[in-house]
Amino acid sequence: MTTKELVIEMIQRMPQDATLTDIMAELYVRQKIDVGLRQLDEGKTLSQEEVEQRLSRWLS
């Protein structure tokens, strides 16, 4: 499926009263998921230890 076809299908599954804001939010979430999956496929991940180190700096 093309990106356009996926977006059309996504919009068609939404309620009839979906607003433009609702549609934009769905597109945003879908884009972020796609980026994350692509990064995962490319091996661009963090180990548990790296995550804990980064979080410890924020939570201290």
PDB file of N, CA and C in Angstrom:
ATOM      1  N   MET A   1       0.833  -1.195   0.000  1.00  0.00           N
ATOM      2  CA  MET A   1       0.000   0.000   0.000  1.00  0.00           C
ATOM      3  C   MET A   1       0.868   1.245   0.000  1.00  0.00           C
ATOM      4  N   THR A   2       0.429   2.238  -0.707  1.00  0.00           N
ATOM      5  CA  THR A   2       1.155   3.503  -0.706  1.00  0.00           C
ATOM      6  C   THR A   2       0.808   4.288   0.561  1.00  0.00           C
ATOM      7  N   THR A   3       1.606   5.271   0.847  1.00  0.00           N
ATOM      8  CA  THR A   3       1.335   6.131   2.002  1.00  0.00           C
ATOM      9  C   THR A   3      -0.034   6.774   1.871  1.00  0.00           C
ATOM     10  N   LYS A   4      -0.342   7.244   0.688  1.00  0.00           N
ATOM     11  CA  LYS A   4      -1.641   7.890   0.450  1.00  0.00           C
ATOM     12  C   LYS A   4      -2.782   6.918   0.738  1.00  0.00           C
ATOM     13  N   GLU A   5      -2.648   5.693   0.284  1.00  0.00           N
ATOM     14  CA  GLU A   5      -3.690   4.696   0.524  1.00  0.00           C
ATOM     15  C   GLU A   5      -3.840   4.387   2.010  1.00  0.00           C
ATOM     16  N   LEU A   6      -2.706   4.306   2.718  1.00  0.00           N
ATOM     17  CA  LEU A   6      -2.749   4.062   4.165  1.00  0.00           C
ATOM     18  C   LEU A   6      -3.453   5.197   4.904  1.00  0.00           C
ATOM     19  N   VAL A   7      -3.178   6.437   4.499  1.00  0.00           N
ATOM     20  CA  VAL A   7      -3.797   7.596   5.148  1.00  0.00           C
ATOM     21  C   VAL A   7      -5.296   7.613   4.868  1.00  0.00           C
ATOM     22  N   ILE A   8      -5.678   7.343   3.645  1.00  0.00           N
ATOM     23  CA  ILE A   8      -7.102   7.311   3.298  1.00  0.00           C
ATOM     24  C   ILE A   8      -7.807   6.244   4.123  1.00  0.00           C
ATOM     25  N   GLU A   9      -7.209   5.064   4.234  1.00  0.00           N
ATOM     26  CA  GLU A   9      -7.801   3.987   5.020  1.00  0.00           C
ATOM     27  C   GLU A   9      -7.920   4.390   6.487  1.00  0.00           C
ATOM     28  N   MET A  10      -6.882   5.028   7.025  1.00  0.00           N
ATOM     29  CA  MET A  10      -6.905   5.476   8.411  1.00  0.00           C
ATOM     30  C   MET A  10      -8.047   6.464   8.641  1.00  0.00           C
ATOM     31  N   ILE A  11      -8.205   7.407   7.740  1.00  0.00           N
ATOM     32  CA  ILE A  11      -9.262   8.414   7.874  1.00  0.00           C
ATOM     33  C   ILE A  11     -10.630   7.764   7.762  1.00  0.00           C
ATOM     34  N   GLN A  12     -10.785   6.812   6.875  1.00  0.00           N
ATOM     35  CA  GLN A  12     -12.074   6.144   6.710  1.00  0.00           C
ATOM     36  C   GLN A  12     -12.475   5.355   7.951  1.00  0.00           C
ATOM     37  N   ARG A  13     -11.504   4.889   8.732  1.00  0.00           N
ATOM     38  CA  ARG A  13     -11.805   4.153   9.966  1.00  0.00           C
ATOM     39  C   ARG A  13     -12.204   5.081  11.109  1.00  0.00           C
ATOM     40  N   MET A  14     -11.948   6.369  10.960  1.00  0.00           N
ATOM     41  CA  MET A  14     -12.261   7.320  12.020  1.00  0.00           C
ATOM     42  C   MET A  14     -13.762   7.620  12.030  1.00  0.00           C
ATOM     43  N   PRO A  15     -14.279   8.075  13.180  1.00  0.00           N
ATOM     44  CA  PRO A  15     -15.703   8.418  13.259  1.00  0.00           C
ATOM     45  C   PRO A  15     -16.069   9.533  12.270  1.00  0.00           C
ATOM     46  N   GLN A  16     -17.305   9.552  11.869  1.00  0.00           N
ATOM     47  CA  GLN A  16     -17.770  10.558  10.909  1.00  0.00           C
ATOM     48  C   GLN A  16     -17.616  11.980  11.426  1.00  0.00           C
ATOM     49  N   ASP A  17     -17.650  12.149  12.745  1.00  0.00           N
ATOM     50  CA  ASP A  17     -17.545  13.500  13.304  1.00  0.00           C
ATOM     51  C   ASP A  17     -16.102  13.875  13.654  1.00  0.00           C
ATOM     52  N   ALA A  18     -15.127  13.122  13.151  1.00  0.00           N
ATOM     53  CA  ALA A  18     -13.719  13.432  13.419  1.00  0.00           C
ATOM     54  C   ALA A  18     -13.387  14.824  12.887  1.00  0.00           C
ATOM     55  N   THR A  19     -12.675  15.564  13.694  1.00  0.00           N
ATOM     56  CA  THR A  19     -12.286  16.916  13.303  1.00  0.00           C
ATOM     57  C   THR A  19     -10.940  16.883  12.588  1.00  0.00           C
ATOM     58  N   LEU A  20     -10.593  18.010  12.010  1.00  0.00           N
ATOM     59  CA  LEU A  20      -9.279  18.127  11.381  1.00  0.00           C
ATOM     60  C   LEU A  20      -8.182  17.925  12.429  1.00  0.00           C
ATOM     61  N   THR A  21      -8.419  18.404  13.624  1.00  0.00           N
ATOM     62  CA  THR A  21      -7.463  18.212  14.716  1.00  0.00           C
ATOM     63  C   THR A  21      -7.303  16.732  15.028  1.00  0.00           C
ATOM     64  N   ASP A  22      -8.405  15.987  15.055  1.00  0.00           N
ATOM     65  CA  ASP A  22      -8.343  14.535  15.289  1.00  0.00           C
ATOM     66  C   ASP A  22      -7.519  13.851  14.204  1.00  0.00           C
ATOM     67  N   ILE A  23      -7.751  14.222  12.970  1.00  0.00           N
ATOM     68  CA  ILE A  23      -7.038  13.622  11.842  1.00  0.00           C
ATOM     69  C   ILE A  23      -5.552  13.944  11.911  1.00  0.00           C
ATOM     70  N   MET A  24      -5.229  15.199  12.213  1.00  0.00           N
ATOM     71  CA  MET A  24      -3.826  15.602  12.312  1.00  0.00           C
ATOM     72  C   MET A  24      -3.134  14.854  13.456  1.00  0.00           C
ATOM     73  N   ALA A  25      -3.833  14.649  14.573  1.00  0.00           N
ATOM     74  CA  ALA A  25      -3.251  13.923  15.700  1.00  0.00           C
ATOM     75  C   ALA A  25      -2.956  12.483  15.302  1.00  0.00           C
ATOM     76  N   GLU A  26      -3.868  11.848  14.594  1.00  0.00           N
ATOM     77  CA  GLU A  26      -3.652  10.472  14.134  1.00  0.00           C
ATOM     78  C   GLU A  26      -2.458  10.398  13.178  1.00  0.00           C
ATOM     79  N   LEU A  27      -2.363  11.367  12.271  1.00  0.00           N
ATOM     80  CA  LEU A  27      -1.241  11.397  11.338  1.00  0.00           C
ATOM     81  C   LEU A  27       0.081  11.574  12.078  1.00  0.00           C
ATOM     82  N   TYR A  28       0.090  12.436  13.085  1.00  0.00           N
ATOM     83  CA  TYR A  28       1.293  12.685  13.870  1.00  0.00           C
ATOM     84  C   TYR A  28       1.746  11.408  14.573  1.00  0.00           C
ATOM     85  N   VAL A  29       0.799  10.739  15.224  1.00  0.00           N
ATOM     86  CA  VAL A  29       1.137   9.504  15.939  1.00  0.00           C
ATOM     87  C   VAL A  29       1.645   8.458  14.954  1.00  0.00           C
ATOM     88  N   ARG A  30       0.968   8.316  13.820  1.00  0.00           N
ATOM     89  CA  ARG A  30       1.384   7.329  12.814  1.00  0.00           C
ATOM     90  C   ARG A  30       2.794   7.625  12.312  1.00  0.00           C
ATOM     91  N   GLN A  31       3.100   8.891  12.079  1.00  0.00           N
ATOM     92  CA  GLN A  31       4.425   9.273  11.595  1.00  0.00           C
ATOM     93  C   GLN A  31       5.491   8.941  12.623  1.00  0.00           C
ATOM     94  N   LYS A  32       5.209   9.217  13.901  1.00  0.00           N
ATOM     95  CA  LYS A  32       6.172   8.927  14.958  1.00  0.00           C
ATOM     96  C   LYS A  32       6.400   7.421  15.086  1.00  0.00           C
ATOM     97  N   ILE A  33       5.337   6.637  14.969  1.00  0.00           N
ATOM     98  CA  ILE A  33       5.473   5.180  15.023  1.00  0.00           C
ATOM     99  C   ILE A  33       6.315   4.690  13.851  1.00  0.00           C
ATOM    100  N   ASP A  34       6.045   5.213  12.659  1.00  0.00           N
ATOM    101  CA  ASP A  34       6.817   4.803  11.480  1.00  0.00           C
ATOM    102  C   ASP A  34       8.300   5.127  11.634  1.00  0.00           C
ATOM    103  N   VAL A  35       8.607   6.301  12.165  1.00  0.00           N
ATOM    104  CA  VAL A  35      10.008   6.679  12.395  1.00  0.00           C
ATOM    105  C   VAL A  35      10.648   5.723  13.397  1.00  0.00           C
ATOM    106  N   GLY A  36       9.942   5.417  14.469  1.00  0.00           N
ATOM    107  CA  GLY A  36      10.472   4.508  15.480  1.00  0.00           C
ATOM    108  C   GLY A  36      10.724   3.111  14.927  1.00  0.00           C
ATOM    109  N   LEU A  37       9.801   2.615  14.120  1.00  0.00           N
ATOM    110  CA  LEU A  37       9.984   1.297  13.518  1.00  0.00           C
ATOM    111  C   LEU A  37      11.167   1.284  12.553  1.00  0.00           C
ATOM    112  N   ARG A  38      11.323   2.375  11.808  1.00  0.00           N
ATOM    113  CA  ARG A  38      12.463   2.476  10.885  1.00  0.00           C
ATOM    114  C   ARG A  38      13.772   2.488  11.669  1.00  0.00           C
ATOM    115  N   GLN A  39      13.808   3.230  12.777  1.00  0.00           N
ATOM    116  CA  GLN A  39      15.006   3.262  13.610  1.00  0.00           C
ATOM    117  C   GLN A  39      15.297   1.887  14.193  1.00  0.00           C
ATOM    118  N   LEU A  40      14.270   1.180  14.585  1.00  0.00           N
ATOM    119  CA  LEU A  40      14.446  -0.169  15.108  1.00  0.00           C
ATOM    120  C   LEU A  40      15.042  -1.083  14.046  1.00  0.00           C
ATOM    121  N   ASP A  41      14.509  -1.008  12.825  1.00  0.00           N
ATOM    122  CA  ASP A  41      15.031  -1.817  11.717  1.00  0.00           C
ATOM    123  C   ASP A  41      16.493  -1.496  11.422  1.00  0.00           C
ATOM    124  N   GLU A  42      16.890  -0.236  11.629  1.00  0.00           N
ATOM    125  CA  GLU A  42      18.257   0.201  11.354  1.00  0.00           C
ATOM    126  C   GLU A  42      19.188  -0.039  12.545  1.00  0.00           C
ATOM    127  N   GLY A  43      18.659  -0.613  13.609  1.00  0.00           N
ATOM    128  CA  GLY A  43      19.482  -0.901  14.785  1.00  0.00           C
ATOM    129  C   GLY A  43      19.787   0.321  15.624  1.00  0.00           C
ATOM    130  N   LYS A  44      19.039   1.376  15.438  1.00  0.00           N
ATOM    131  CA  LYS A  44      19.264   2.610  16.203  1.00  0.00           C
ATOM    132  C   LYS A  44      18.459   2.550  17.502  1.00  0.00           C
ATOM    133  N   THR A  45      18.925   1.709  18.411  1.00  0.00           N
ATOM    134  CA  THR A  45      18.243   1.526  19.686  1.00  0.00           C
ATOM    135  C   THR A  45      19.206   1.795  20.829  1.00  0.00           C
ATOM    136  N   LEU A  46      18.656   1.873  22.020  1.00  0.00           N
ATOM    137  CA  LEU A  46      19.461   2.068  23.225  1.00  0.00           C
ATOM    138  C   LEU A  46      19.350   0.827  24.101  1.00  0.00           C
ATOM    139  N   SER A  47      20.417   0.501  24.787  1.00  0.00           N
ATOM    140  CA  SER A  47      20.379  -0.602  25.740  1.00  0.00           C
ATOM    141  C   SER A  47      19.632  -0.133  26.992  1.00  0.00           C
ATOM    142  N   GLN A  48      19.247  -1.093  27.809  1.00  0.00           N
ATOM    143  CA  GLN A  48      18.583  -0.772  29.067  1.00  0.00           C
ATOM    144  C   GLN A  48      19.460   0.140  29.919  1.00  0.00           C
ATOM    145  N   GLU A  49      20.750  -0.135  29.934  1.00  0.00           N
ATOM    146  CA  GLU A  49      21.675   0.664  30.736  1.00  0.00           C
ATOM    147  C   GLU A  49      21.731   2.108  30.236  1.00  0.00           C
ATOM    148  N   GLU A  50      21.766   2.291  28.910  1.00  0.00           N
ATOM    149  CA  GLU A  50      21.799   3.645  28.342  1.00  0.00           C
ATOM    150  C   GLU A  50      20.528   4.418  28.690  1.00  0.00           C
ATOM    151  N   VAL A  51      19.407   3.738  28.649  1.00  0.00           N
ATOM    152  CA  VAL A  51      18.138   4.384  28.997  1.00  0.00           C
ATOM    153  C   VAL A  51      18.157   4.795  30.466  1.00  0.00           C
ATOM    154  N   GLU A  52      18.607   3.900  31.321  1.00  0.00           N
ATOM    155  CA  GLU A  52      18.669   4.211  32.751  1.00  0.00           C
ATOM    156  C   GLU A  52      19.601   5.388  33.027  1.00  0.00           C
ATOM    157  N   GLN A  53      20.730   5.459  32.331  1.00  0.00           N
ATOM    158  CA  GLN A  53      21.661   6.570  32.509  1.00  0.00           C
ATOM    159  C   GLN A  53      21.022   7.881  32.088  1.00  0.00           C
ATOM    160  N   ARG A  54      20.354   7.887  30.949  1.00  0.00           N
ATOM    161  CA  ARG A  54      19.707   9.116  30.474  1.00  0.00           C
ATOM    162  C   ARG A  54      18.591   9.539  31.417  1.00  0.00           C
ATOM    163  N   LEU A  55      17.792   8.597  31.869  1.00  0.00           N
ATOM    164  CA  LEU A  55      16.707   8.929  32.772  1.00  0.00           C
ATOM    165  C   LEU A  55      17.206   9.421  34.109  1.00  0.00           C
ATOM    166  N   SER A  56      18.305   8.849  34.578  1.00  0.00           N
ATOM    167  CA  SER A  56      18.825   9.263  35.879  1.00  0.00           C
ATOM    168  C   SER A  56      19.242  10.732  35.867  1.00  0.00           C
ATOM    169  N   ARG A  57      19.723  11.218  34.721  1.00  0.00           N
ATOM    170  CA  ARG A  57      20.082  12.630  34.622  1.00  0.00           C
ATOM    171  C   ARG A  57      18.850  13.520  34.685  1.00  0.00           C
ATOM    172  N   TRP A  58      17.743  13.061  34.138  1.00  0.00           N
ATOM    173  CA  TRP A  58      16.511  13.850  34.141  1.00  0.00           C
ATOM    174  C   TRP A  58      15.810  13.792  35.486  1.00  0.00           C
ATOM    175  N   LEU A  59      15.895  12.645  36.145  1.00  0.00           N
ATOM    176  CA  LEU A  59      15.135  12.427  37.378  1.00  0.00           C
ATOM    177  C   LEU A  59      15.898  12.808  38.636  1.00  0.00           C
ATOM    178  N   SER A  60      17.163  13.199  38.498  1.00  0.00           N
ATOM    179  CA  SER A  60      17.955  13.553  39.678  1.00  0.00           C
ATOM    180  C   SER A  60      17.649  14.937  40.158  1.00  0.00           C
TER     181      SER A  60
END
